[in-house]
Amino acid sequence: MIGRRAERIFPSISRVGKRRQVVIPKRFCDDLGLQEGDFVEVRRAQGTLVIKPKRLVDADDILSTHEERVVRKGESELTRGEYVTLPKLHHDLERPAVRNRRKAT
């Protein structure tokens, strides 16, 4: 990993292309885990440009509070070994439902 001091001593120079494209040096991409197609945030700060890697999440992929609770509960049950195998689930679903009747005493 390149330290801040090393970045100041050995700056990289890139050229702005025809479509305002700038090539990010390989060493920075490698250090940040950037790959072709990744998104970056570009903003202006004190007369400079700041490029920051961004991970975009689709709003449909975010769980509601209730869904998060259900997922945590399921993970907890799996950790405790509380689960039903698929063949057992199929077997249980194929059986006719049995009503629980209380006997009057």
N, C-alpha and C. Protein backbone atom coordinates (compact mmCIF):
# COMPACT_ATOMS: atom_id res chain seq x y z
N MET A 1 0.85 -1.17 0.00
CA MET A 1 0.00 0.00 0.00
C MET A 1 0.89 1.23 0.00
N ILE A 2 0.56 2.16 -0.81
CA ILE A 2 1.35 3.39 -0.92
C ILE A 2 0.90 4.36 0.15
N GLY A 3 1.85 4.87 0.94
CA GLY A 3 1.51 5.82 1.99
C GLY A 3 1.29 7.21 1.42
N ARG A 4 0.69 8.09 2.23
CA ARG A 4 0.42 9.46 1.77
C ARG A 4 1.72 10.19 1.42
N ARG A 5 2.76 9.95 2.18
CA ARG A 5 4.03 10.63 1.92
C ARG A 5 4.60 10.20 0.57
N ALA A 6 4.53 8.88 0.29
CA ALA A 6 5.03 8.37 -0.98
C ALA A 6 4.21 8.91 -2.14
N GLU A 7 2.91 9.08 -1.96
CA GLU A 7 2.06 9.63 -3.01
C GLU A 7 2.48 11.06 -3.34
N ARG A 8 2.87 11.84 -2.34
CA ARG A 8 3.29 13.22 -2.58
C ARG A 8 4.66 13.26 -3.28
N ILE A 9 5.53 12.32 -2.92
CA ILE A 9 6.87 12.30 -3.50
C ILE A 9 6.83 11.82 -4.95
N PHE A 10 6.02 10.80 -5.24
CA PHE A 10 5.94 10.22 -6.57
C PHE A 10 4.53 10.38 -7.14
N PRO A 11 4.13 11.60 -7.48
CA PRO A 11 2.79 11.78 -8.03
C PRO A 11 2.70 11.17 -9.42
N SER A 12 1.49 10.85 -9.82
CA SER A 12 1.27 10.35 -11.17
C SER A 12 0.62 11.44 -11.99
N ILE A 13 1.01 11.52 -13.25
CA ILE A 13 0.45 12.51 -14.16
C ILE A 13 -0.40 11.75 -15.18
N SER A 14 -1.63 12.19 -15.37
CA SER A 14 -2.51 11.61 -16.37
C SER A 14 -3.01 12.73 -17.27
N ARG A 15 -3.40 12.37 -18.47
CA ARG A 15 -3.89 13.35 -19.43
C ARG A 15 -5.41 13.21 -19.57
N VAL A 16 -6.09 14.32 -19.76
CA VAL A 16 -7.52 14.31 -20.02
C VAL A 16 -7.72 14.01 -21.49
N GLY A 17 -8.50 12.96 -21.80
CA GLY A 17 -8.73 12.56 -23.18
C GLY A 17 -9.84 13.35 -23.85
N LYS A 18 -10.17 12.96 -25.09
CA LYS A 18 -11.16 13.67 -25.90
C LYS A 18 -12.51 13.78 -25.19
N ARG A 19 -12.93 12.74 -24.54
CA ARG A 19 -14.23 12.75 -23.87
C ARG A 19 -14.08 12.99 -22.36
N ARG A 20 -13.10 13.77 -21.99
CA ARG A 20 -12.80 14.11 -20.60
C ARG A 20 -12.46 12.85 -19.77
N GLN A 21 -11.94 11.83 -20.43
CA GLN A 21 -11.57 10.62 -19.74
C GLN A 21 -10.16 10.76 -19.16
N VAL A 22 -9.98 10.23 -17.96
CA VAL A 22 -8.69 10.26 -17.30
C VAL A 22 -8.34 8.83 -16.92
N VAL A 23 -7.11 8.42 -17.22
CA VAL A 23 -6.65 7.08 -16.86
C VAL A 23 -6.11 7.12 -15.44
N ILE A 24 -6.65 6.27 -14.58
CA ILE A 24 -6.15 6.16 -13.20
C ILE A 24 -4.98 5.18 -13.23
N PRO A 25 -3.83 5.58 -12.70
CA PRO A 25 -2.66 4.69 -12.73
C PRO A 25 -2.94 3.33 -12.10
N LYS A 26 -2.34 2.30 -12.69
CA LYS A 26 -2.56 0.92 -12.27
C LYS A 26 -2.29 0.71 -10.79
N ARG A 27 -1.24 1.30 -10.27
CA ARG A 27 -0.90 1.08 -8.85
C ARG A 27 -2.03 1.55 -7.94
N PHE A 28 -2.70 2.66 -8.31
CA PHE A 28 -3.81 3.15 -7.48
C PHE A 28 -5.01 2.23 -7.61
N CYS A 29 -5.27 1.78 -8.83
CA CYS A 29 -6.39 0.84 -9.03
C CYS A 29 -6.16 -0.44 -8.25
N ASP A 30 -4.94 -0.96 -8.31
CA ASP A 30 -4.62 -2.18 -7.58
C ASP A 30 -4.78 -1.97 -6.07
N ASP A 31 -4.26 -0.85 -5.56
CA ASP A 31 -4.35 -0.57 -4.12
C ASP A 31 -5.80 -0.46 -3.66
N LEU A 32 -6.66 0.12 -4.50
CA LEU A 32 -8.06 0.35 -4.12
C LEU A 32 -9.00 -0.76 -4.59
N GLY A 33 -8.48 -1.72 -5.34
CA GLY A 33 -9.31 -2.81 -5.83
C GLY A 33 -10.26 -2.38 -6.93
N LEU A 34 -9.91 -1.31 -7.65
CA LEU A 34 -10.76 -0.83 -8.74
C LEU A 34 -10.57 -1.68 -9.98
N GLN A 35 -11.67 -1.99 -10.66
CA GLN A 35 -11.62 -2.74 -11.90
C GLN A 35 -12.44 -2.01 -12.95
N GLU A 36 -12.22 -2.36 -14.20
CA GLU A 36 -12.98 -1.75 -15.29
C GLU A 36 -14.47 -1.93 -15.05
N GLY A 37 -15.22 -0.85 -15.18
CA GLY A 37 -16.67 -0.91 -14.98
C GLY A 37 -17.11 -0.47 -13.59
N ASP A 38 -16.17 -0.38 -12.64
CA ASP A 38 -16.51 0.09 -11.29
C ASP A 38 -16.92 1.56 -11.34
N PHE A 39 -17.69 1.98 -10.37
CA PHE A 39 -18.11 3.36 -10.28
C PHE A 39 -17.20 4.13 -9.32
N VAL A 40 -17.00 5.41 -9.63
CA VAL A 40 -16.25 6.30 -8.75
C VAL A 40 -17.04 7.59 -8.58
N GLU A 41 -16.87 8.21 -7.44
CA GLU A 41 -17.45 9.53 -7.18
C GLU A 41 -16.38 10.55 -7.49
N VAL A 42 -16.74 11.57 -8.24
CA VAL A 42 -15.79 12.63 -8.56
C VAL A 42 -16.36 13.94 -8.03
N ARG A 43 -15.57 14.62 -7.20
CA ARG A 43 -16.03 15.91 -6.66
C ARG A 43 -14.86 16.88 -6.61
N ARG A 44 -15.22 18.14 -6.58
CA ARG A 44 -14.21 19.20 -6.51
C ARG A 44 -14.06 19.61 -5.06
N ALA A 45 -12.82 19.74 -4.62
CA ALA A 45 -12.56 20.14 -3.23
C ALA A 45 -11.30 21.01 -3.20
N GLN A 46 -11.46 22.25 -2.82
CA GLN A 46 -10.35 23.19 -2.65
C GLN A 46 -9.44 23.24 -3.88
N GLY A 47 -10.05 23.36 -5.05
CA GLY A 47 -9.28 23.50 -6.28
C GLY A 47 -8.68 22.22 -6.81
N THR A 48 -9.07 21.07 -6.26
CA THR A 48 -8.58 19.78 -6.76
C THR A 48 -9.76 18.88 -7.05
N LEU A 49 -9.51 17.78 -7.73
CA LEU A 49 -10.53 16.75 -7.94
C LEU A 49 -10.25 15.59 -7.01
N VAL A 50 -11.30 15.10 -6.39
CA VAL A 50 -11.18 13.93 -5.51
C VAL A 50 -11.97 12.81 -6.18
N ILE A 51 -11.32 11.69 -6.41
CA ILE A 51 -11.96 10.52 -7.01
C ILE A 51 -12.03 9.44 -5.93
N LYS A 52 -13.24 9.01 -5.64
CA LYS A 52 -13.45 8.05 -4.55
C LYS A 52 -14.22 6.84 -5.08
N PRO A 53 -13.74 5.59 -4.83
CA PRO A 53 -14.47 4.41 -5.26
C PRO A 53 -15.87 4.38 -4.63
N LYS A 54 -16.86 3.95 -5.41
CA LYS A 54 -18.23 3.87 -4.92
C LYS A 54 -18.81 2.50 -5.23
N ARG A 55 -19.53 1.96 -4.30
CA ARG A 55 -20.27 0.72 -4.49
C ARG A 55 -21.74 1.10 -4.53
N LEU A 56 -22.39 0.91 -5.65
CA LEU A 56 -23.79 1.28 -5.79
C LEU A 56 -24.68 0.11 -5.42
N VAL A 57 -25.76 0.40 -4.71
CA VAL A 57 -26.71 -0.61 -4.31
C VAL A 57 -28.08 -0.20 -4.83
N ASP A 58 -28.74 -1.11 -5.50
CA ASP A 58 -30.08 -0.86 -6.00
C ASP A 58 -31.03 -0.76 -4.81
N ALA A 59 -31.92 0.21 -4.83
CA ALA A 59 -32.86 0.41 -3.72
C ALA A 59 -33.72 -0.84 -3.48
N ASP A 60 -33.97 -1.62 -4.54
CA ASP A 60 -34.76 -2.84 -4.39
C ASP A 60 -34.00 -3.94 -3.65
N ASP A 61 -32.68 -3.81 -3.56
CA ASP A 61 -31.86 -4.83 -2.91
C ASP A 61 -31.69 -4.58 -1.41
N ILE A 62 -32.27 -3.51 -0.89
CA ILE A 62 -32.13 -3.18 0.53
C ILE A 62 -33.29 -3.80 1.29
N LEU A 63 -32.98 -4.50 2.38
CA LEU A 63 -34.00 -5.14 3.18
C LEU A 63 -34.69 -4.15 4.10
N SER A 64 -35.97 -4.38 4.33
CA SER A 64 -36.70 -3.58 5.31
C SER A 64 -36.27 -4.04 6.70
N THR A 65 -36.65 -3.30 7.72
CA THR A 65 -36.31 -3.68 9.10
C THR A 65 -36.89 -5.04 9.43
N HIS A 66 -38.13 -5.28 9.03
CA HIS A 66 -38.78 -6.57 9.29
C HIS A 66 -38.03 -7.70 8.58
N GLU A 67 -37.65 -7.47 7.31
CA GLU A 67 -36.93 -8.50 6.56
C GLU A 67 -35.57 -8.79 7.19
N GLU A 68 -34.89 -7.75 7.68
CA GLU A 68 -33.60 -7.96 8.35
C GLU A 68 -33.77 -8.84 9.58
N ARG A 69 -34.85 -8.60 10.36
CA ARG A 69 -35.11 -9.42 11.55
C ARG A 69 -35.35 -10.88 11.16
N VAL A 70 -36.13 -11.09 10.10
CA VAL A 70 -36.43 -12.46 9.65
C VAL A 70 -35.14 -13.16 9.21
N VAL A 71 -34.29 -12.47 8.48
CA VAL A 71 -33.03 -13.05 8.03
C VAL A 71 -32.14 -13.40 9.22
N ARG A 72 -32.01 -12.47 10.19
CA ARG A 72 -31.19 -12.74 11.38
C ARG A 72 -31.73 -13.94 12.15
N LYS A 73 -33.06 -14.04 12.27
CA LYS A 73 -33.67 -15.17 12.97
C LYS A 73 -33.34 -16.48 12.25
N GLY A 74 -33.47 -16.47 10.91
CA GLY A 74 -33.15 -17.66 10.13
C GLY A 74 -31.70 -18.07 10.26
N GLU A 75 -30.79 -17.09 10.21
CA GLU A 75 -29.37 -17.39 10.37
C GLU A 75 -29.09 -17.98 11.74
N SER A 76 -29.74 -17.43 12.75
CA SER A 76 -29.57 -17.93 14.11
C SER A 76 -30.05 -19.38 14.22
N GLU A 77 -31.20 -19.68 13.62
CA GLU A 77 -31.73 -21.05 13.64
C GLU A 77 -30.78 -22.01 12.92
N LEU A 78 -30.23 -21.57 11.79
CA LEU A 78 -29.27 -22.41 11.07
C LEU A 78 -28.04 -22.69 11.91
N THR A 79 -27.55 -21.66 12.60
CA THR A 79 -26.37 -21.80 13.45
C THR A 79 -26.62 -22.83 14.55
N ARG A 80 -27.85 -22.84 15.08
CA ARG A 80 -28.21 -23.80 16.14
C ARG A 80 -28.55 -25.17 15.59
N GLY A 81 -28.53 -25.32 14.26
CA GLY A 81 -28.85 -26.61 13.65
C GLY A 81 -30.35 -26.85 13.52
N GLU A 82 -31.15 -25.80 13.61
CA GLU A 82 -32.60 -25.92 13.50
C GLU A 82 -33.01 -25.65 12.06
N TYR A 83 -33.20 -26.71 11.30
CA TYR A 83 -33.60 -26.55 9.91
C TYR A 83 -34.35 -27.79 9.47
N VAL A 84 -35.01 -27.70 8.33
CA VAL A 84 -35.75 -28.81 7.74
C VAL A 84 -35.14 -29.08 6.38
N THR A 85 -34.87 -30.36 6.09
CA THR A 85 -34.30 -30.70 4.78
C THR A 85 -35.39 -30.58 3.72
N LEU A 86 -34.99 -30.42 2.48
CA LEU A 86 -35.95 -30.28 1.39
C LEU A 86 -36.84 -31.52 1.24
N PRO A 87 -36.29 -32.75 1.30
CA PRO A 87 -37.17 -33.93 1.21
C PRO A 87 -38.20 -33.96 2.35
N LYS A 88 -37.79 -33.58 3.55
CA LYS A 88 -38.73 -33.55 4.68
C LYS A 88 -39.81 -32.50 4.45
N LEU A 89 -39.44 -31.34 3.91
CA LEU A 89 -40.41 -30.30 3.63
C LEU A 89 -41.42 -30.78 2.59
N HIS A 90 -40.94 -31.41 1.52
CA HIS A 90 -41.85 -31.95 0.50
C HIS A 90 -42.80 -32.97 1.12
N HIS A 91 -42.27 -33.86 1.95
CA HIS A 91 -43.09 -34.88 2.60
C HIS A 91 -44.16 -34.23 3.46
N ASP A 92 -43.78 -33.25 4.25
CA ASP A 92 -44.74 -32.58 5.13
C ASP A 92 -45.81 -31.82 4.34
N LEU A 93 -45.43 -31.25 3.21
CA LEU A 93 -46.40 -30.51 2.40
C LEU A 93 -47.38 -31.43 1.68
N GLU A 94 -46.96 -32.64 1.38
CA GLU A 94 -47.83 -33.58 0.68
C GLU A 94 -48.83 -34.25 1.61
N ARG A 95 -48.56 -34.27 2.90
CA ARG A 95 -49.50 -34.89 3.85
C ARG A 95 -50.71 -34.00 4.02
N PRO A 96 -51.87 -34.59 4.16
CA PRO A 96 -53.06 -33.77 4.39
C PRO A 96 -52.97 -33.08 5.76
N ALA A 97 -53.52 -31.89 5.82
CA ALA A 97 -53.50 -31.14 7.07
C ALA A 97 -54.37 -31.84 8.10
N VAL A 98 -53.89 -31.91 9.31
CA VAL A 98 -54.63 -32.52 10.41
C VAL A 98 -55.03 -31.43 11.37
N ARG A 99 -56.32 -31.37 11.67
CA ARG A 99 -56.79 -30.36 12.62
C ARG A 99 -56.57 -30.85 14.04
N ASN A 100 -56.16 -29.95 14.88
CA ASN A 100 -56.02 -30.26 16.29
C ASN A 100 -57.37 -30.05 16.95
N ARG A 101 -57.92 -31.14 17.46
CA ARG A 101 -59.20 -31.05 18.14
C ARG A 101 -58.99 -31.33 19.62
N ARG A 102 -59.56 -30.47 20.41
CA ARG A 102 -59.47 -30.69 21.85
C ARG A 102 -60.67 -31.54 22.28
N LYS A 103 -60.37 -32.47 23.12
CA LYS A 103 -61.43 -33.30 23.66
C LYS A 103 -62.04 -32.60 24.86
N ALA A 104 -63.34 -32.58 24.89
CA ALA A 104 -64.03 -31.97 26.03
C ALA A 104 -63.95 -32.93 27.21
N THR A 105 -63.63 -32.40 28.36
CA THR A 105 -63.53 -33.27 29.54
C THR A 105 -64.60 -32.98 30.52
